Amino acid sequence: MQVFFRDFFSDPVLFMSFGILTVVILLCLFYVGYFVKKVMDAEVPEGN
């Protein structure tokens, strides 16, 4: 495991790949939470 962390911090391609992947996953989680909150707080219009 120690070899992985050494390679992780010394290889910029590996570091940036996981960094960008982390940002993308965090953005996806944010928008899922945002969408769910908006759906839960939405008012249902009354039909005629």
C-alpha atoms as a PDB file:
ATOM      1  CA  MET A   1       0.000   0.000   0.000  1.00  0.00           C
ATOM      2  CA  GLN A   2       2.880   2.334   0.706  1.00  0.00           C
ATOM      3  CA  VAL A   3       4.165   1.838  -2.848  1.00  0.00           C
ATOM      4  CA  PHE A   4       0.793   2.950  -4.230  1.00  0.00           C
ATOM      5  CA  PHE A   5       0.866   6.226  -2.285  1.00  0.00           C
ATOM      6  CA  ARG A   6       4.460   6.869  -3.319  1.00  0.00           C
ATOM      7  CA  ASP A   7       3.564   6.313  -6.968  1.00  0.00           C
ATOM      8  CA  PHE A   8       0.329   8.271  -6.568  1.00  0.00           C
ATOM      9  CA  PHE A   9       2.056  11.452  -5.400  1.00  0.00           C
ATOM     10  CA  SER A  10       5.060  11.145  -7.704  1.00  0.00           C
ATOM     11  CA  ASP A  11       3.111  10.481 -10.933  1.00  0.00           C
ATOM     12  CA  PRO A  12       1.272  13.626 -12.052  1.00  0.00           C
ATOM     13  CA  VAL A  13      -0.900  11.750 -14.578  1.00  0.00           C
ATOM     14  CA  LEU A  14      -2.223   9.378 -11.915  1.00  0.00           C
ATOM     15  CA  PHE A  15      -2.663  12.222  -9.416  1.00  0.00           C
ATOM     16  CA  MET A  16      -4.574  14.435 -11.891  1.00  0.00           C
ATOM     17  CA  SER A  17      -6.729  11.556 -13.126  1.00  0.00           C
ATOM     18  CA  PHE A  18      -7.952  10.699  -9.641  1.00  0.00           C
ATOM     19  CA  GLY A  19      -8.250  14.400  -8.778  1.00  0.00           C
ATOM     20  CA  ILE A  20     -10.457  15.165 -11.765  1.00  0.00           C
ATOM     21  CA  LEU A  21     -12.477  11.992 -11.194  1.00  0.00           C
ATOM     22  CA  THR A  22     -13.063  13.073  -7.592  1.00  0.00           C
ATOM     23  CA  VAL A  23     -14.266  16.516  -8.729  1.00  0.00           C
ATOM     24  CA  VAL A  24     -16.648  14.968 -11.273  1.00  0.00           C
ATOM     25  CA  ILE A  25     -18.100  12.555  -8.710  1.00  0.00           C
ATOM     26  CA  LEU A  26     -18.564  15.373  -6.191  1.00  0.00           C
ATOM     27  CA  LEU A  27     -20.354  17.499  -8.805  1.00  0.00           C
ATOM     28  CA  CYS A  28     -22.636  14.575  -9.675  1.00  0.00           C
ATOM     29  CA  LEU A  29     -23.482  14.022  -6.012  1.00  0.00           C
ATOM     30  CA  PHE A  30     -24.174  17.734  -5.558  1.00  0.00           C
ATOM     31  CA  TYR A  31     -26.592  17.851  -8.487  1.00  0.00           C
ATOM     32  CA  VAL A  32     -28.353  14.651  -7.389  1.00  0.00           C
ATOM     33  CA  GLY A  33     -28.875  16.189  -3.948  1.00  0.00           C
ATOM     34  CA  TYR A  34     -29.983  19.487  -5.496  1.00  0.00           C
ATOM     35  CA  PHE A  35     -32.490  17.737  -7.762  1.00  0.00           C
ATOM     36  CA  VAL A  36     -33.909  15.606  -4.944  1.00  0.00           C
ATOM     37  CA  LYS A  37     -34.264  18.681  -2.702  1.00  0.00           C
ATOM     38  CA  LYS A  38     -36.077  20.626  -5.432  1.00  0.00           C
ATOM     39  CA  VAL A  39     -38.423  17.712  -6.110  1.00  0.00           C
ATOM     40  CA  MET A  40     -39.202  17.257  -2.408  1.00  0.00           C
ATOM     41  CA  ASP A  41     -39.868  21.007  -1.929  1.00  0.00           C
ATOM     42  CA  ALA A  42     -41.984  21.416  -5.088  1.00  0.00           C
ATOM     43  CA  GLU A  43     -45.608  22.359  -4.697  1.00  0.00           C
ATOM     44  CA  VAL A  44     -48.128  20.173  -6.471  1.00  0.00           C
ATOM     45  CA  PRO A  45     -50.566  22.262  -8.513  1.00  0.00           C
ATOM     46  CA  GLU A  46     -54.217  21.539  -7.948  1.00  0.00           C
ATOM     47  CA  GLY A  47     -56.064  20.117 -10.947  1.00  0.00           C
ATOM     48  CA  ASN A  48     -59.490  21.312 -12.104  1.00  0.00           C
END
